[in-house]
């Protein structure tokens, strides 16, 4: 009951800007699923809000990550609006276990170094967890762009870790958003895996 009361109180105390960011983030996901160009303005505004919110909340790596997402939103708008005719349609690919091991190991090392710096030389809270989720999100965004099947599994772990981080900071509307993201990541993996396996049987999958 105390936990429920804390969550309700947290929702009541949240800035209206966080609710706007959550709503726009959901709009981005739904519009992106429909391949609508307007997903990118929704992404840009929501990430702008989150960049400022996380900076004020001393989650510096999360703030930097969302600043990066802002840039990706601008690039996404340009690519979909002007560069689509130049982009070949890419099939779903899959990395080997060994390649994933290298990706995970390298990203973890970078995240730990960043976490150490943030923990010792800035006012960041949860510096190591913040750095891990941020570094892996940057790498996973690249995997999404390359249509690597296992990107969804990375997102499941990243989003689940982010849920803990946002609960600890009292960002309850954003916590709900990331629960939604986690569920959608599982659904995304199952959908992409089915498509990948179908293409494998027809001889058109990329390895």
N, C-alpha and C. Protein backbone atom coordinates (compact mmCIF):
# COMPACT_ATOMS: atom_id res chain seq x y z
N UNK A 1 0.82 -1.21 0.00
CA UNK A 1 0.00 0.00 0.00
C UNK A 1 0.86 1.26 0.00
N UNK A 2 1.98 1.22 0.75
CA UNK A 2 2.85 2.38 0.79
C UNK A 2 3.46 2.66 -0.59
N UNK A 3 3.82 1.57 -1.28
CA UNK A 3 4.38 1.74 -2.63
C UNK A 3 3.36 2.33 -3.57
N UNK A 4 2.12 1.83 -3.52
CA UNK A 4 1.05 2.35 -4.36
C UNK A 4 0.80 3.82 -4.06
N UNK A 5 0.78 4.16 -2.78
CA UNK A 5 0.57 5.55 -2.38
C UNK A 5 1.68 6.45 -2.91
N UNK A 6 2.91 5.93 -2.86
CA UNK A 6 4.05 6.70 -3.36
C UNK A 6 3.94 6.93 -4.86
N UNK A 7 3.50 5.90 -5.59
CA UNK A 7 3.33 6.03 -7.04
C UNK A 7 2.26 7.05 -7.38
N UNK A 8 1.13 6.97 -6.66
CA UNK A 8 0.04 7.93 -6.89
C UNK A 8 0.49 9.34 -6.59
N UNK A 9 1.21 9.49 -5.47
CA UNK A 9 1.73 10.81 -5.10
C UNK A 9 2.72 11.31 -6.14
N UNK A 10 3.52 10.38 -6.67
CA UNK A 10 4.49 10.76 -7.69
C UNK A 10 3.82 11.25 -8.95
N UNK A 11 2.76 10.58 -9.38
CA UNK A 11 2.02 11.02 -10.55
C UNK A 11 1.45 12.42 -10.33
N UNK A 12 0.92 12.66 -9.14
CA UNK A 12 0.31 13.95 -8.83
C UNK A 12 1.34 15.07 -8.85
N UNK A 13 2.57 14.74 -8.45
CA UNK A 13 3.61 15.76 -8.33
C UNK A 13 4.35 16.04 -9.63
N UNK A 14 4.19 15.20 -10.63
CA UNK A 14 4.96 15.34 -11.85
C UNK A 14 4.58 16.59 -12.63
N UNK A 15 5.59 17.16 -13.26
CA UNK A 15 5.39 18.31 -14.12
C UNK A 15 4.55 17.93 -15.33
N UNK A 16 3.76 18.87 -15.78
CA UNK A 16 2.95 18.63 -16.97
C UNK A 16 3.84 18.32 -18.17
N UNK A 17 5.08 18.83 -18.15
CA UNK A 17 5.99 18.60 -19.27
C UNK A 17 6.37 17.14 -19.39
N UNK A 18 6.45 16.43 -18.27
CA UNK A 18 6.76 15.00 -18.36
C UNK A 18 5.62 14.24 -19.01
N UNK A 19 4.38 14.63 -18.68
CA UNK A 19 3.23 13.98 -19.31
C UNK A 19 3.23 14.25 -20.82
N UNK A 20 3.58 15.47 -21.20
CA UNK A 20 3.67 15.81 -22.62
C UNK A 20 4.73 14.94 -23.30
N UNK A 21 5.88 14.78 -22.64
CA UNK A 21 6.95 13.96 -23.20
C UNK A 21 6.53 12.50 -23.35
N UNK A 22 5.83 11.97 -22.35
CA UNK A 22 5.35 10.59 -22.41
C UNK A 22 4.37 10.42 -23.56
N UNK A 23 3.42 11.36 -23.67
CA UNK A 23 2.41 11.27 -24.73
C UNK A 23 3.07 11.34 -26.11
N UNK A 24 4.03 12.24 -26.27
CA UNK A 24 4.71 12.37 -27.56
C UNK A 24 5.58 11.15 -27.86
N UNK A 25 6.16 10.55 -26.83
CA UNK A 25 6.95 9.33 -27.04
C UNK A 25 6.08 8.19 -27.54
N UNK A 26 4.90 8.05 -26.95
CA UNK A 26 3.96 7.03 -27.41
C UNK A 26 3.50 7.33 -28.83
N UNK A 27 3.25 8.62 -29.11
CA UNK A 27 2.85 9.02 -30.46
C UNK A 27 3.95 8.68 -31.46
N UNK A 28 5.19 8.92 -31.07
CA UNK A 28 6.32 8.58 -31.95
C UNK A 28 6.31 7.10 -32.30
N UNK A 29 6.15 6.25 -31.29
CA UNK A 29 6.19 4.81 -31.53
C UNK A 29 5.07 4.38 -32.47
N UNK A 30 3.86 4.87 -32.22
CA UNK A 30 2.72 4.49 -33.05
C UNK A 30 2.87 5.03 -34.48
N UNK A 31 3.33 6.28 -34.61
CA UNK A 31 3.52 6.86 -35.94
C UNK A 31 4.65 6.16 -36.70
N UNK A 32 5.71 5.79 -35.98
CA UNK A 32 6.82 5.09 -36.62
C UNK A 32 6.38 3.72 -37.13
N UNK A 33 5.51 3.05 -36.38
CA UNK A 33 5.00 1.75 -36.82
C UNK A 33 4.23 1.89 -38.13
N UNK A 34 3.61 3.08 -38.33
CA UNK A 34 2.86 3.34 -39.56
C UNK A 34 3.73 4.00 -40.63
N UNK A 35 5.03 4.16 -40.32
CA UNK A 35 5.99 4.81 -41.22
C UNK A 35 5.56 6.22 -41.58
N UNK A 36 4.96 6.92 -40.61
CA UNK A 36 4.55 8.31 -40.82
C UNK A 36 5.72 9.25 -40.57
N UNK A 37 5.91 10.19 -41.47
CA UNK A 37 6.98 11.17 -41.34
C UNK A 37 6.86 11.98 -40.06
N UNK A 38 5.62 12.12 -39.56
CA UNK A 38 5.38 12.97 -38.39
C UNK A 38 5.84 12.33 -37.09
N UNK A 39 6.34 11.11 -37.16
CA UNK A 39 6.90 10.52 -35.95
C UNK A 39 8.13 11.29 -35.49
N UNK A 40 8.86 11.89 -36.44
CA UNK A 40 10.11 12.56 -36.09
C UNK A 40 9.93 13.87 -35.34
N UNK A 41 8.98 14.73 -35.71
CA UNK A 41 8.73 15.90 -34.86
C UNK A 41 8.29 15.51 -33.45
N UNK A 42 7.47 14.46 -33.33
CA UNK A 42 7.07 13.98 -32.00
C UNK A 42 8.28 13.53 -31.21
N UNK A 43 9.20 12.82 -31.88
CA UNK A 43 10.42 12.35 -31.22
C UNK A 43 11.29 13.53 -30.80
N UNK A 44 11.42 14.53 -31.66
CA UNK A 44 12.29 15.67 -31.36
C UNK A 44 11.80 16.42 -30.13
N UNK A 45 10.50 16.72 -30.08
CA UNK A 45 9.97 17.50 -28.96
C UNK A 45 10.05 16.70 -27.66
N UNK A 46 9.69 15.42 -27.72
CA UNK A 46 9.73 14.60 -26.50
C UNK A 46 11.15 14.47 -25.97
N UNK A 47 12.12 14.28 -26.87
CA UNK A 47 13.50 14.14 -26.41
C UNK A 47 14.08 15.46 -25.93
N UNK A 48 13.63 16.57 -26.48
CA UNK A 48 14.03 17.88 -25.96
C UNK A 48 13.59 18.04 -24.51
N UNK A 49 12.34 17.67 -24.24
CA UNK A 49 11.82 17.76 -22.87
C UNK A 49 12.62 16.85 -21.94
N UNK A 50 12.86 15.62 -22.38
CA UNK A 50 13.60 14.68 -21.54
C UNK A 50 15.05 15.12 -21.34
N UNK A 51 15.66 15.72 -22.35
CA UNK A 51 17.03 16.21 -22.19
C UNK A 51 17.12 17.20 -21.03
N UNK A 52 16.19 18.13 -20.98
CA UNK A 52 16.18 19.13 -19.91
C UNK A 52 15.78 18.51 -18.58
N UNK A 53 14.80 17.61 -18.59
CA UNK A 53 14.32 17.00 -17.35
C UNK A 53 15.41 16.16 -16.69
N UNK A 54 16.10 15.35 -17.47
CA UNK A 54 17.14 14.49 -16.90
C UNK A 54 18.34 15.31 -16.43
N UNK A 55 18.64 16.39 -17.13
CA UNK A 55 19.73 17.26 -16.68
C UNK A 55 19.40 17.85 -15.31
N UNK A 56 18.17 18.33 -15.17
CA UNK A 56 17.75 18.89 -13.89
C UNK A 56 17.69 17.83 -12.80
N UNK A 57 17.45 16.56 -13.19
CA UNK A 57 17.38 15.47 -12.24
C UNK A 57 18.70 14.78 -11.99
N UNK A 58 19.78 15.35 -12.50
CA UNK A 58 21.15 14.84 -12.29
C UNK A 58 21.38 13.47 -12.91
N UNK A 59 20.61 13.14 -13.96
CA UNK A 59 20.88 11.94 -14.75
C UNK A 59 21.57 12.41 -16.04
N UNK A 60 22.85 12.70 -15.89
CA UNK A 60 23.55 13.41 -16.96
C UNK A 60 23.71 12.58 -18.22
N UNK A 61 23.98 11.28 -18.06
CA UNK A 61 24.13 10.43 -19.23
C UNK A 61 22.81 10.25 -19.96
N UNK A 62 21.72 10.14 -19.22
CA UNK A 62 20.40 10.06 -19.85
C UNK A 62 20.11 11.35 -20.61
N UNK A 63 20.50 12.48 -20.02
CA UNK A 63 20.32 13.76 -20.70
C UNK A 63 21.11 13.80 -22.00
N UNK A 64 22.37 13.34 -21.95
CA UNK A 64 23.20 13.30 -23.16
C UNK A 64 22.61 12.36 -24.20
N UNK A 65 22.08 11.22 -23.75
CA UNK A 65 21.47 10.26 -24.66
C UNK A 65 20.30 10.89 -25.41
N UNK A 66 19.45 11.60 -24.69
CA UNK A 66 18.29 12.19 -25.35
C UNK A 66 18.68 13.37 -26.23
N UNK A 67 19.78 14.03 -25.93
CA UNK A 67 20.31 15.03 -26.85
C UNK A 67 20.73 14.35 -28.16
N UNK A 68 21.34 13.19 -28.03
CA UNK A 68 21.70 12.38 -29.21
C UNK A 68 20.45 11.98 -29.99
N UNK A 69 19.39 11.59 -29.27
CA UNK A 69 18.14 11.23 -29.93
C UNK A 69 17.55 12.41 -30.69
N UNK A 70 17.73 13.62 -30.14
CA UNK A 70 17.25 14.81 -30.85
C UNK A 70 17.91 14.91 -32.22
N UNK A 71 19.23 14.69 -32.23
CA UNK A 71 19.93 14.71 -33.51
C UNK A 71 19.45 13.62 -34.45
N UNK A 72 19.18 12.44 -33.90
CA UNK A 72 18.67 11.34 -34.72
C UNK A 72 17.29 11.65 -35.27
N UNK A 73 16.49 12.41 -34.52
CA UNK A 73 15.16 12.79 -34.99
C UNK A 73 15.27 13.72 -36.20
N UNK A 74 16.23 14.65 -36.15
CA UNK A 74 16.47 15.54 -37.29
C UNK A 74 16.93 14.73 -38.49
N UNK A 75 17.87 13.81 -38.25
CA UNK A 75 18.36 12.95 -39.33
C UNK A 75 17.23 12.09 -39.90
N UNK A 76 16.42 11.53 -39.01
CA UNK A 76 15.31 10.68 -39.45
C UNK A 76 14.33 11.42 -40.33
N UNK A 77 14.01 12.66 -39.94
CA UNK A 77 13.12 13.49 -40.75
C UNK A 77 13.72 13.70 -42.14
N UNK A 78 15.00 14.05 -42.18
CA UNK A 78 15.66 14.30 -43.46
C UNK A 78 15.70 13.03 -44.31
N UNK A 79 16.07 11.91 -43.69
CA UNK A 79 16.20 10.65 -44.43
C UNK A 79 14.87 10.21 -45.01
N UNK A 80 13.80 10.34 -44.21
CA UNK A 80 12.49 9.91 -44.69
C UNK A 80 11.90 10.91 -45.69
N UNK A 81 12.21 12.19 -45.50
CA UNK A 81 11.61 13.21 -46.36
C UNK A 81 12.35 13.36 -47.68
N UNK A 82 13.69 13.31 -47.63
CA UNK A 82 14.47 13.60 -48.83
C UNK A 82 15.34 12.44 -49.31
N UNK A 83 15.69 11.54 -48.41
CA UNK A 83 16.64 10.50 -48.79
C UNK A 83 16.03 9.14 -49.04
N UNK A 84 14.72 9.03 -48.89
CA UNK A 84 14.07 7.72 -49.01
C UNK A 84 14.31 7.08 -50.36
N UNK A 85 14.29 7.91 -51.41
CA UNK A 85 14.45 7.35 -52.76
C UNK A 85 15.84 6.79 -52.99
N UNK A 86 16.81 7.19 -52.13
CA UNK A 86 18.18 6.71 -52.29
C UNK A 86 18.51 5.52 -51.39
N UNK A 87 17.54 5.12 -50.56
CA UNK A 87 17.81 4.07 -49.57
C UNK A 87 17.30 2.72 -50.07
N UNK A 88 18.17 1.78 -50.18
CA UNK A 88 17.75 0.43 -50.55
C UNK A 88 17.04 -0.22 -49.38
N UNK A 89 16.05 -1.02 -49.67
CA UNK A 89 15.31 -1.70 -48.61
C UNK A 89 16.16 -2.83 -48.06
N UNK A 90 16.44 -2.78 -46.77
CA UNK A 90 17.35 -3.73 -46.14
C UNK A 90 16.57 -4.79 -45.40
N UNK A 91 17.00 -6.03 -45.53
CA UNK A 91 16.36 -7.11 -44.82
C UNK A 91 16.87 -7.26 -43.40
N UNK A 92 16.16 -8.02 -42.59
CA UNK A 92 16.55 -8.28 -41.21
C UNK A 92 17.78 -9.18 -41.20
N UNK A 93 18.75 -8.83 -40.36
CA UNK A 93 19.97 -9.61 -40.23
C UNK A 93 20.08 -10.16 -38.81
N UNK A 94 21.05 -11.04 -38.60
CA UNK A 94 21.27 -11.60 -37.26
C UNK A 94 22.77 -11.73 -37.02
N UNK A 95 23.21 -11.27 -35.85
CA UNK A 95 24.62 -11.40 -35.48
C UNK A 95 24.88 -12.76 -34.84
N UNK A 96 26.11 -13.23 -34.96
CA UNK A 96 26.51 -14.45 -34.26
C UNK A 96 26.67 -14.16 -32.77
N UNK A 97 26.68 -15.22 -31.96
CA UNK A 97 26.88 -15.06 -30.52
C UNK A 97 28.23 -14.40 -30.24
N UNK A 98 29.25 -14.79 -30.98
CA UNK A 98 30.58 -14.22 -30.78
C UNK A 98 30.59 -12.72 -31.06
N UNK A 99 29.89 -12.31 -32.09
CA UNK A 99 29.86 -10.88 -32.42
C UNK A 99 29.12 -10.10 -31.34
N UNK A 100 28.03 -10.67 -30.84
CA UNK A 100 27.32 -10.01 -29.75
C UNK A 100 28.19 -9.92 -28.50
N UNK A 101 28.98 -10.95 -28.25
CA UNK A 101 29.87 -10.94 -27.08
C UNK A 101 30.86 -9.79 -27.16
N UNK A 102 31.39 -9.56 -28.36
CA UNK A 102 32.33 -8.45 -28.56
C UNK A 102 31.63 -7.11 -28.34
N UNK A 103 30.43 -6.97 -28.92
CA UNK A 103 29.66 -5.74 -28.76
C UNK A 103 29.38 -5.46 -27.29
N UNK A 104 28.92 -6.48 -26.57
CA UNK A 104 28.57 -6.32 -25.16
C UNK A 104 29.79 -5.99 -24.32
N UNK A 105 30.89 -6.70 -24.57
CA UNK A 105 32.11 -6.46 -23.79
C UNK A 105 32.66 -5.06 -24.02
N UNK A 106 32.74 -4.65 -25.28
CA UNK A 106 33.28 -3.33 -25.60
C UNK A 106 32.40 -2.21 -25.03
N UNK A 107 31.09 -2.37 -25.16
CA UNK A 107 30.18 -1.35 -24.65
C UNK A 107 30.23 -1.26 -23.14
N UNK A 108 30.35 -2.41 -22.48
CA UNK A 108 30.43 -2.43 -21.02
C UNK A 108 31.68 -1.71 -20.53
N UNK A 109 32.81 -1.93 -21.18
CA UNK A 109 34.06 -1.26 -20.79
C UNK A 109 33.90 0.26 -20.92
N UNK A 110 33.38 0.70 -22.05
CA UNK A 110 33.17 2.14 -22.25
C UNK A 110 32.22 2.70 -21.19
N UNK A 111 31.14 1.97 -20.90
CA UNK A 111 30.16 2.43 -19.92
C UNK A 111 30.76 2.53 -18.52
N UNK A 112 31.60 1.57 -18.15
CA UNK A 112 32.22 1.59 -16.83
C UNK A 112 33.19 2.76 -16.69
N UNK A 113 33.94 3.03 -17.75
CA UNK A 113 34.84 4.19 -17.73
C UNK A 113 34.03 5.48 -17.60
N UNK A 114 32.97 5.58 -18.40
CA UNK A 114 32.11 6.77 -18.33
C UNK A 114 31.47 6.89 -16.95
N UNK A 115 31.03 5.76 -16.40
CA UNK A 115 30.42 5.77 -15.08
C UNK A 115 31.39 6.24 -14.01
N UNK A 116 32.64 5.80 -14.10
CA UNK A 116 33.66 6.23 -13.13
C UNK A 116 33.87 7.74 -13.20
N UNK A 117 33.97 8.24 -14.41
CA UNK A 117 34.16 9.69 -14.59
C UNK A 117 32.97 10.46 -14.03
N UNK A 118 31.76 10.01 -14.38
CA UNK A 118 30.56 10.70 -13.91
C UNK A 118 30.43 10.62 -12.40
N UNK A 119 30.79 9.49 -11.83
CA UNK A 119 30.64 9.29 -10.39
C UNK A 119 31.63 10.13 -9.59
N UNK A 120 32.81 10.34 -10.15
CA UNK A 120 33.86 11.03 -9.39
C UNK A 120 34.03 12.51 -9.73
N UNK A 121 33.53 12.92 -10.88
CA UNK A 121 33.81 14.29 -11.30
C UNK A 121 32.57 15.10 -11.64
N UNK A 122 31.38 14.55 -11.44
CA UNK A 122 30.15 15.30 -11.69
C UNK A 122 29.18 15.06 -10.54
N UNK A 123 28.02 15.71 -10.63
CA UNK A 123 26.99 15.54 -9.60
C UNK A 123 25.97 14.47 -9.99
N UNK A 124 26.32 13.59 -10.92
CA UNK A 124 25.38 12.60 -11.44
C UNK A 124 24.93 11.62 -10.35
N UNK A 125 23.65 11.24 -10.39
CA UNK A 125 23.10 10.17 -9.55
C UNK A 125 23.14 8.86 -10.33
N UNK A 126 23.30 7.74 -9.61
CA UNK A 126 23.29 6.41 -10.24
C UNK A 126 24.20 6.39 -11.48
N UNK A 127 25.41 6.88 -11.29
CA UNK A 127 26.31 7.14 -12.42
C UNK A 127 26.58 5.90 -13.27
N UNK A 128 26.82 4.76 -12.63
CA UNK A 128 27.18 3.56 -13.39
C UNK A 128 25.97 2.99 -14.14
N UNK A 129 24.83 2.91 -13.48
CA UNK A 129 23.63 2.41 -14.15
C UNK A 129 23.22 3.35 -15.27
N UNK A 130 23.29 4.65 -14.99
CA UNK A 130 22.97 5.65 -15.99
C UNK A 130 23.87 5.51 -17.21
N UNK A 131 25.16 5.30 -16.97
CA UNK A 131 26.11 5.15 -18.07
C UNK A 131 25.88 3.86 -18.86
N UNK A 132 25.58 2.78 -18.16
CA UNK A 132 25.33 1.51 -18.85
C UNK A 132 24.12 1.59 -19.76
N UNK A 133 23.00 2.12 -19.24
CA UNK A 133 21.80 2.22 -20.07
C UNK A 133 22.02 3.16 -21.25
N UNK A 134 22.76 4.24 -21.02
CA UNK A 134 23.01 5.20 -22.08
C UNK A 134 23.90 4.62 -23.17
N UNK A 135 25.03 4.04 -22.79
CA UNK A 135 25.97 3.49 -23.78
C UNK A 135 25.33 2.37 -24.59
N UNK A 136 24.60 1.49 -23.92
CA UNK A 136 23.96 0.41 -24.65
C UNK A 136 22.83 0.92 -25.53
N UNK A 137 22.15 1.98 -25.12
CA UNK A 137 21.09 2.54 -25.97
C UNK A 137 21.67 3.14 -27.24
N UNK A 138 22.83 3.79 -27.13
CA UNK A 138 23.48 4.34 -28.32
C UNK A 138 23.84 3.22 -29.30
N UNK A 139 24.45 2.16 -28.78
CA UNK A 139 24.84 1.03 -29.63
C UNK A 139 23.61 0.35 -30.22
N UNK A 140 22.59 0.17 -29.41
CA UNK A 140 21.39 -0.53 -29.88
C UNK A 140 20.65 0.27 -30.93
N UNK A 141 20.70 1.60 -30.83
CA UNK A 141 20.10 2.43 -31.87
C UNK A 141 20.77 2.15 -33.22
N UNK A 142 22.08 1.94 -33.20
CA UNK A 142 22.79 1.55 -34.43
C UNK A 142 22.32 0.19 -34.92
N UNK A 143 22.12 -0.76 -33.99
CA UNK A 143 21.64 -2.09 -34.38
C UNK A 143 20.26 -2.02 -35.02
N UNK A 144 19.43 -1.11 -34.51
CA UNK A 144 18.10 -0.91 -35.11
C UNK A 144 18.26 -0.43 -36.55
N UNK A 145 19.13 0.55 -36.75
CA UNK A 145 19.34 1.10 -38.09
C UNK A 145 19.84 0.03 -39.06
N UNK A 146 20.59 -0.94 -38.53
CA UNK A 146 21.10 -2.03 -39.35
C UNK A 146 20.13 -3.21 -39.44
N UNK A 147 18.99 -3.07 -38.79
CA UNK A 147 17.97 -4.12 -38.75
C UNK A 147 18.52 -5.45 -38.22
N UNK A 148 19.29 -5.36 -37.15
CA UNK A 148 19.80 -6.57 -36.50
C UNK A 148 18.70 -7.11 -35.59
N UNK A 149 18.31 -8.35 -35.81
CA UNK A 149 17.19 -8.97 -35.10
C UNK A 149 17.29 -8.80 -33.60
N UNK A 150 18.47 -9.05 -33.06
CA UNK A 150 18.64 -9.09 -31.60
C UNK A 150 18.60 -7.72 -30.94
N UNK A 151 18.44 -6.64 -31.71
CA UNK A 151 18.35 -5.32 -31.10
C UNK A 151 17.21 -5.27 -30.08
N UNK A 152 16.14 -6.01 -30.37
CA UNK A 152 14.98 -6.01 -29.47
C UNK A 152 15.33 -6.60 -28.11
N UNK A 153 16.20 -7.60 -28.08
CA UNK A 153 16.61 -8.20 -26.81
C UNK A 153 17.45 -7.22 -26.00
N UNK A 154 18.28 -6.45 -26.69
CA UNK A 154 19.03 -5.39 -26.01
C UNK A 154 18.06 -4.38 -25.38
N UNK A 155 17.02 -4.01 -26.15
CA UNK A 155 16.07 -3.02 -25.64
C UNK A 155 15.30 -3.55 -24.43
N UNK A 156 15.00 -4.84 -24.42
CA UNK A 156 14.30 -5.41 -23.25
C UNK A 156 15.12 -5.18 -21.99
N UNK A 157 16.42 -5.47 -22.07
CA UNK A 157 17.29 -5.30 -20.90
C UNK A 157 17.47 -3.83 -20.56
N UNK A 158 17.71 -3.00 -21.57
CA UNK A 158 17.90 -1.56 -21.34
C UNK A 158 16.66 -0.94 -20.72
N UNK A 159 15.49 -1.25 -21.28
CA UNK A 159 14.25 -0.66 -20.77
C UNK A 159 13.95 -1.14 -19.36
N UNK A 160 14.20 -2.42 -19.08
CA UNK A 160 13.97 -2.95 -17.74
C UNK A 160 14.88 -2.26 -16.72
N UNK A 161 16.15 -2.06 -17.08
CA UNK A 161 17.07 -1.35 -16.19
C UNK A 161 16.65 0.10 -16.01
N UNK A 162 16.15 0.70 -17.08
CA UNK A 162 15.70 2.09 -17.00
C UNK A 162 14.49 2.24 -16.08
N UNK A 163 13.64 1.22 -16.04
CA UNK A 163 12.48 1.25 -15.14
C UNK A 163 12.94 1.43 -13.70
N UNK A 164 13.94 0.65 -13.30
CA UNK A 164 14.49 0.78 -11.94
C UNK A 164 15.04 2.19 -11.71
N UNK A 165 15.75 2.71 -12.70
CA UNK A 165 16.36 4.03 -12.58
C UNK A 165 15.30 5.11 -12.41
N UNK A 166 14.22 5.03 -13.20
CA UNK A 166 13.20 6.07 -13.16
C UNK A 166 12.34 5.97 -11.90
N UNK A 167 12.10 4.76 -11.41
CA UNK A 167 11.39 4.61 -10.14
C UNK A 167 12.22 5.24 -9.02
N UNK A 168 13.52 4.97 -9.04
CA UNK A 168 14.40 5.52 -8.00
C UNK A 168 14.41 7.04 -8.02
N UNK A 169 14.27 7.64 -9.20
CA UNK A 169 14.26 9.09 -9.32
C UNK A 169 12.87 9.69 -9.21
N UNK A 170 11.84 8.84 -9.14
CA UNK A 170 10.48 9.33 -8.99
C UNK A 170 9.82 9.77 -10.28
N UNK A 171 10.33 9.33 -11.42
CA UNK A 171 9.74 9.67 -12.71
C UNK A 171 8.68 8.62 -13.07
N UNK A 172 7.54 8.67 -12.39
CA UNK A 172 6.57 7.59 -12.51
C UNK A 172 5.86 7.53 -13.87
N UNK A 173 5.44 8.65 -14.46
CA UNK A 173 4.87 8.54 -15.81
C UNK A 173 5.85 7.94 -16.81
N UNK A 174 7.12 8.31 -16.71
CA UNK A 174 8.13 7.75 -17.60
C UNK A 174 8.34 6.27 -17.31
N UNK A 175 8.21 5.87 -16.05
CA UNK A 175 8.30 4.45 -15.69
C UNK A 175 7.23 3.65 -16.42
N UNK A 176 6.00 4.17 -16.43
CA UNK A 176 4.91 3.50 -17.14
C UNK A 176 5.23 3.40 -18.63
N UNK A 177 5.79 4.48 -19.19
CA UNK A 177 6.17 4.47 -20.60
C UNK A 177 7.18 3.36 -20.88
N UNK A 178 8.14 3.17 -19.98
CA UNK A 178 9.18 2.17 -20.23
C UNK A 178 8.69 0.75 -19.96
N UNK A 179 7.69 0.59 -19.13
CA UNK A 179 7.03 -0.72 -19.04
C UNK A 179 6.39 -1.05 -20.39
N UNK A 180 5.74 -0.06 -20.97
CA UNK A 180 5.14 -0.21 -22.30
C UNK A 180 6.22 -0.52 -23.34
N UNK A 181 7.33 0.19 -23.28
CA UNK A 181 8.44 -0.06 -24.20
C UNK A 181 8.98 -1.48 -24.07
N UNK A 182 9.08 -1.96 -22.82
CA UNK A 182 9.62 -3.31 -22.59
C UNK A 182 8.72 -4.36 -23.23
N UNK A 183 7.42 -4.20 -23.03
CA UNK A 183 6.46 -5.14 -23.63
C UNK A 183 6.54 -5.08 -25.15
N UNK A 184 6.62 -3.86 -25.69
CA UNK A 184 6.70 -3.70 -27.14
C UNK A 184 8.00 -4.27 -27.70
N UNK A 185 9.08 -4.22 -26.92
CA UNK A 185 10.35 -4.79 -27.37
C UNK A 185 10.25 -6.31 -27.50
N UNK A 186 9.57 -6.94 -26.55
CA UNK A 186 9.34 -8.38 -26.64
C UNK A 186 8.50 -8.70 -27.88
N UNK A 187 7.43 -7.92 -28.08
CA UNK A 187 6.58 -8.13 -29.25
C UNK A 187 7.35 -7.89 -30.54
N UNK A 188 8.20 -6.87 -30.54
CA UNK A 188 9.00 -6.56 -31.72
C UNK A 188 9.96 -7.68 -32.06
N UNK A 189 10.58 -8.26 -31.04
CA UNK A 189 11.50 -9.38 -31.28
C UNK A 189 10.76 -10.57 -31.89
N UNK A 190 9.61 -10.90 -31.34
CA UNK A 190 8.86 -12.04 -31.85
C UNK A 190 8.41 -11.81 -33.29
N UNK A 191 8.02 -10.58 -33.59
CA UNK A 191 7.57 -10.25 -34.94
C UNK A 191 8.74 -10.33 -35.93
N UNK A 192 9.85 -9.72 -35.58
CA UNK A 192 11.02 -9.74 -36.46
C UNK A 192 11.57 -11.15 -36.62
N UNK A 193 11.57 -11.92 -35.54
CA UNK A 193 12.09 -13.29 -35.63
C UNK A 193 11.25 -14.12 -36.59
N UNK A 194 9.93 -13.94 -36.53
CA UNK A 194 9.05 -14.67 -37.45
C UNK A 194 9.34 -14.29 -38.90
N UNK A 195 9.54 -12.98 -39.13
CA UNK A 195 9.86 -12.52 -40.48
C UNK A 195 11.22 -13.05 -40.94
N UNK A 196 12.19 -13.04 -40.05
CA UNK A 196 13.53 -13.53 -40.37
C UNK A 196 13.50 -15.02 -40.71
N UNK A 197 12.78 -15.80 -39.90
CA UNK A 197 12.69 -17.23 -40.14
C UNK A 197 11.95 -17.53 -41.44
N UNK A 198 10.94 -16.72 -41.74
CA UNK A 198 10.20 -16.91 -42.99
C UNK A 198 11.11 -16.65 -44.19
N UNK A 199 11.91 -15.58 -44.12
CA UNK A 199 12.82 -15.28 -45.22
C UNK A 199 13.92 -16.33 -45.33
N UNK A 200 14.30 -16.91 -44.18
CA UNK A 200 15.32 -17.96 -44.20
C UNK A 200 14.83 -19.18 -44.97
N UNK A 201 13.55 -19.50 -44.81
CA UNK A 201 13.00 -20.67 -45.49
C UNK A 201 12.82 -20.42 -46.98
N UNK A 202 12.68 -19.13 -47.36
CA UNK A 202 12.52 -18.82 -48.78
C UNK A 202 13.84 -18.45 -49.44
N UNK A 203 14.91 -18.45 -48.63
CA UNK A 203 16.24 -18.19 -49.17
C UNK A 203 16.54 -16.74 -49.41
N UNK A 204 15.77 -15.80 -48.76
CA UNK A 204 16.00 -14.38 -48.99
C UNK A 204 16.49 -13.65 -47.76
N UNK A 205 16.76 -14.38 -46.68
CA UNK A 205 17.21 -13.72 -45.45
C UNK A 205 18.68 -13.35 -45.56
N UNK A 206 19.02 -12.34 -44.79
CA UNK A 206 20.41 -11.92 -44.70
C UNK A 206 21.02 -12.52 -43.45
N UNK A 207 22.23 -13.04 -43.56
CA UNK A 207 22.88 -13.65 -42.40
C UNK A 207 23.91 -12.72 -41.80
